[in-house]
Protein backbone atom coordinates (compact mmCIF):
# COMPACT_ATOMS: atom_id res chain seq x y z
CA MET A 1 1.48 -19.30 23.18
CA THR A 2 4.35 -19.73 26.31
CA HIS A 3 7.85 -19.94 25.46
CA PRO A 4 8.46 -23.61 25.88
CA GLU A 5 11.71 -22.92 28.19
CA HIS A 6 8.91 -20.77 30.41
CA LEU A 7 6.12 -23.87 30.90
CA ARG A 8 5.54 -25.06 33.92
CA ASP A 9 7.08 -28.56 34.71
CA GLU A 10 3.43 -30.17 34.27
CA HIS A 11 2.00 -28.19 31.56
CA ALA A 12 6.04 -29.03 29.40
CA ASP A 13 4.52 -33.05 30.74
CA LYS A 14 1.24 -32.45 29.38
CA LEU A 15 2.43 -31.22 25.76
CA HIS A 16 5.05 -33.61 25.68
CA ARG A 17 2.50 -36.31 25.73
CA LEU A 18 0.23 -34.74 23.47
CA ARG A 19 2.64 -34.24 20.95
CA GLU A 20 3.86 -38.11 21.00
CA ARG A 21 -0.01 -38.94 21.02
CA ASP A 22 -0.24 -37.11 17.61
CA PRO A 23 2.47 -36.97 14.72
CA GLU A 24 0.13 -33.83 12.83
CA LEU A 25 0.44 -32.02 16.93
CA ASP A 26 3.64 -32.72 16.56
CA ARG A 27 4.43 -31.79 13.63
CA LEU A 28 2.51 -28.67 13.77
CA THR A 29 4.37 -27.55 16.68
CA LEU A 30 7.37 -28.11 15.03
CA HIS A 31 6.00 -25.46 12.38
CA VAL A 32 4.66 -23.23 14.95
CA ARG A 33 7.80 -22.67 16.74
CA LYS A 34 10.03 -22.00 13.91
CA PHE A 35 7.84 -18.91 13.15
CA ALA A 36 7.73 -17.68 16.65
CA VAL A 37 11.98 -17.85 15.97
CA MET A 38 11.52 -16.03 12.94
CA MET A 39 9.26 -13.52 14.65
CA THR A 40 10.91 -12.47 17.57
CA GLY A 41 14.74 -12.86 16.06
CA ARG A 42 13.90 -10.86 13.01
CA ARG A 43 14.66 -13.81 10.44
CA GLY A 44 12.73 -13.18 7.62
CA ASP A 45 15.15 -14.44 5.34
CA ARG A 46 14.34 -17.84 6.47
CA LEU A 47 10.40 -17.07 5.38
CA GLU A 48 10.77 -18.52 1.89
CA GLU A 49 12.62 -22.07 3.68
CA TRP A 50 9.46 -21.80 6.02
CA ILE A 51 6.78 -21.11 3.53
CA THR A 52 7.98 -24.02 1.59
CA ASP A 53 8.45 -26.89 4.39
CA VAL A 54 4.61 -26.11 5.30
CA GLU A 55 3.28 -26.50 1.80
CA ARG A 56 4.94 -29.64 1.81
CA ASP A 57 3.60 -31.07 4.80
CA SER A 58 -0.11 -32.02 4.92
CA LEU A 59 -1.58 -29.78 7.06
CA ALA A 60 -4.37 -28.08 5.56
CA PRO A 61 -5.24 -24.61 7.78
CA LEU A 62 -1.10 -24.06 8.12
CA ALA A 63 -0.40 -24.41 4.14
CA GLY A 64 -2.90 -21.95 3.29
CA PHE A 65 -1.67 -19.27 6.46
CA ALA A 66 1.50 -20.16 4.24
CA ARG A 67 0.02 -19.80 0.60
CA ASN A 68 -1.48 -16.03 2.32
CA LEU A 69 1.49 -15.12 3.08
CA ARG A 70 3.05 -15.81 0.05
CA ARG A 71 0.74 -13.09 -1.47
CA ASP A 72 2.73 -10.27 -0.44
CA PHE A 73 5.54 -11.95 0.37
CA ASP A 74 7.88 -9.01 0.86
CA ALA A 75 5.71 -7.06 3.18
CA VAL A 76 5.70 -10.01 5.35
CA ARG A 77 9.70 -10.35 5.33
CA ASN A 78 10.22 -6.96 5.73
CA GLY A 79 7.85 -7.19 8.89
CA LEU A 80 9.49 -10.22 10.07
CA SER A 81 13.52 -8.22 9.46
CA LEU A 82 13.03 -4.94 9.95
CA PRO A 83 13.03 -2.87 13.69
CA HIS A 84 10.26 -0.49 12.60
CA SER A 85 6.95 -1.19 13.92
CA SER A 86 3.39 0.03 13.36
CA GLY A 87 2.16 -1.26 16.98
CA ALA A 88 1.60 2.58 18.69
CA VAL A 89 -0.03 3.47 15.61
CA GLU A 90 -2.48 0.37 15.81
CA GLY A 91 -3.12 0.89 19.23
CA ASN A 92 -4.34 4.48 19.12
CA ILE A 93 -6.64 3.50 16.77
CA ASN A 94 -8.04 0.33 18.82
CA ARG A 95 -8.49 3.06 21.30
CA LEU A 96 -10.32 5.25 19.25
CA LYS A 97 -12.56 2.45 18.02
CA MET A 98 -13.42 1.43 21.29
CA LEU A 99 -14.05 4.64 22.17
CA LYS A 100 -16.17 5.13 19.14
CA ARG A 101 -18.56 1.92 19.98
CA GLN A 102 -18.66 2.79 23.24
CA MET A 103 -20.25 6.17 22.73
CA PHE A 104 -22.46 4.89 19.18
CA GLY A 105 -26.20 6.21 19.50
CA ARG A 106 -25.45 7.93 23.16
CA ALA A 107 -24.00 11.32 22.04
CA SER A 108 -22.92 13.55 19.80
CA LEU A 109 -19.62 14.08 17.72
CA ASP A 110 -18.63 16.48 20.18
CA LEU A 111 -19.14 14.84 23.30
CA LEU A 112 -17.33 11.98 21.28
CA ARG A 113 -14.65 14.46 20.32
CA LYS A 114 -13.95 15.51 23.91
CA ARG A 115 -13.86 11.89 25.30
CA VAL A 116 -11.29 10.92 22.78
CA LEU A 117 -9.08 14.32 23.41
CA LEU A 118 -9.25 13.46 27.24
CA THR A 119 -8.16 9.93 27.31
CA ARG A 120 -4.77 10.48 26.16
């Protein structure tokens, strides 16, 4: 999950040795890095090319992921291109679900409501 330039030397060496031994892992690493560049650089215009490259490769799990991206291609491309994010909304939903799970079966709706309002 770390950018290759930020890996410690021993981890970079280990990854390099692994990639030399396993050609599938090497190809997987290249595909994942290209996707990471698209995500971090807002390069949704490269999505079609990336999906096509992955589908041509013999890495079945990654090809399945690419096919699922194609199902909602416009939304994925926009998500990789536009500066808008639903991160704040998703964070609040995640927080509310966690509180609900913690309180399940233990208290009334009134107490849950108070806890939600006080944890902001």
